[in-house]
Amino acid sequence: MGSIFAIAYSFLPVVNSWAFLPQAVKLYRSSPIEARSVSLSAWLMWFGASFVSLMYGLTNLHDTLFCISAGVSVFWNALIISLTLWKRGQELQFGFSRE
């Protein structure tokens, strides 16, 4: 039974990426005003949890698959945070929404 979960777990980085991708695309295409609706505090907390998981995996578990999975989450969380800040910065830079 454990091997079934090991196989399923090996697909987690791909599934995780597939889940994050639509959010990233939608945010990239959004207006600066729409980007205000993204909860930066929630994404920062998810980033922090993913980062701690990655560091725990690297320093304590030494489990390659776990580290890859956590690293993928760190990447996508950082991307969403970066896109949000970029979009919100456009509003400040231009002083209006370019809808």
Protein backbone atom coordinates (compact mmCIF):
# COMPACT_ATOMS: atom_id res chain seq x y z
CA MET A 1 0.00 0.00 0.00
CA GLY A 2 2.87 2.37 0.77
CA SER A 3 4.23 2.03 -2.75
CA ILE A 4 0.92 3.33 -4.15
CA PHE A 5 1.32 6.50 -2.12
CA ALA A 6 4.99 6.77 -3.10
CA ILE A 7 4.00 6.65 -6.76
CA ALA A 8 1.17 9.14 -6.22
CA TYR A 9 3.53 11.44 -4.29
CA SER A 10 6.00 11.44 -7.18
CA PHE A 11 3.33 13.13 -9.33
CA LEU A 12 2.66 15.84 -6.74
CA PRO A 13 5.04 18.48 -8.21
CA VAL A 14 3.32 18.15 -11.60
CA VAL A 15 -0.16 18.28 -10.08
CA ASN A 16 0.87 21.22 -7.91
CA SER A 17 2.15 23.09 -10.95
CA TRP A 18 -1.01 22.31 -12.88
CA ALA A 19 -3.05 23.74 -9.98
CA PHE A 20 -1.00 26.95 -9.63
CA LEU A 21 -0.68 27.71 -13.34
CA PRO A 22 -4.22 29.08 -13.95
CA GLN A 23 -3.85 31.47 -11.00
CA ALA A 24 -0.53 32.74 -12.32
CA VAL A 25 -1.90 33.23 -15.84
CA LYS A 26 -5.02 34.99 -14.56
CA LEU A 27 -2.93 37.27 -12.38
CA TYR A 28 -0.54 38.04 -15.25
CA ARG A 29 -3.48 39.03 -17.46
CA SER A 30 -5.27 40.99 -14.74
CA SER A 31 -5.39 44.74 -14.35
CA PRO A 32 -3.60 46.42 -11.45
CA ILE A 33 -6.98 47.05 -9.82
CA GLU A 34 -7.91 43.37 -10.08
CA ALA A 35 -4.57 42.46 -8.48
CA ARG A 36 -5.72 44.24 -5.32
CA SER A 37 -8.11 41.35 -4.69
CA VAL A 38 -5.21 38.93 -4.23
CA SER A 39 -4.49 38.37 -0.55
CA LEU A 40 -0.78 39.02 -0.25
CA SER A 41 -0.76 38.04 3.43
CA ALA A 42 -2.20 34.61 2.61
CA TRP A 43 0.31 34.02 -0.21
CA LEU A 44 3.17 35.16 2.04
CA MET A 45 2.08 32.67 4.71
CA TRP A 46 1.83 29.87 2.13
CA PHE A 47 5.27 30.85 0.84
CA GLY A 48 6.64 30.75 4.40
CA ALA A 49 5.13 27.32 5.05
CA SER A 50 6.53 25.98 1.77
CA PHE A 51 9.94 27.48 2.48
CA VAL A 52 10.07 25.98 5.98
CA SER A 53 9.03 22.62 4.51
CA LEU A 54 11.80 22.84 1.93
CA MET A 55 14.40 23.76 4.53
CA TYR A 56 13.21 20.95 6.81
CA GLY A 57 13.49 18.52 3.92
CA LEU A 58 16.98 19.70 3.04
CA THR A 59 18.35 19.80 6.59
CA ASN A 60 16.50 16.96 8.34
CA LEU A 61 14.81 14.56 5.96
CA HIS A 62 17.31 14.48 3.09
CA ASP A 63 14.45 13.21 0.93
CA THR A 64 14.90 14.27 -2.69
CA LEU A 65 11.28 13.82 -3.71
CA PHE A 66 10.01 15.76 -0.70
CA CYS A 67 12.47 18.58 -1.45
CA ILE A 68 11.41 18.73 -5.09
CA SER A 69 7.75 18.90 -4.08
CA ALA A 70 8.40 21.61 -1.49
CA GLY A 71 10.65 23.49 -3.92
CA VAL A 72 7.93 23.53 -6.56
CA SER A 73 5.55 25.04 -4.00
CA VAL A 74 8.13 27.66 -3.05
CA PHE A 75 8.57 28.57 -6.72
CA TRP A 76 4.84 28.96 -7.43
CA ASN A 77 4.16 30.89 -4.23
CA ALA A 78 7.06 33.24 -5.00
CA LEU A 79 5.77 33.69 -8.55
CA ILE A 80 2.25 34.61 -7.38
CA ILE A 81 3.67 37.08 -4.85
CA SER A 82 5.97 38.60 -7.48
CA LEU A 83 3.17 38.93 -10.04
CA THR A 84 0.90 40.53 -7.45
CA LEU A 85 3.53 43.07 -6.45
CA TRP A 86 4.36 43.78 -10.10
CA LYS A 87 0.71 44.37 -11.00
CA ARG A 88 0.12 46.56 -7.97
CA GLY A 89 3.28 48.48 -8.84
CA GLN A 90 1.87 49.21 -12.29
CA GLU A 91 -1.04 50.98 -10.66
CA LEU A 92 1.33 53.11 -8.61
CA GLN A 93 3.62 53.79 -11.56
CA PHE A 94 0.91 54.83 -14.00
CA GLY A 95 -1.57 56.17 -11.47
CA PHE A 96 -4.45 54.45 -13.20
CA SER A 97 -5.60 51.09 -14.38
CA ARG A 98 -4.74 50.10 -17.95
CA GLU A 99 -7.83 47.98 -18.56
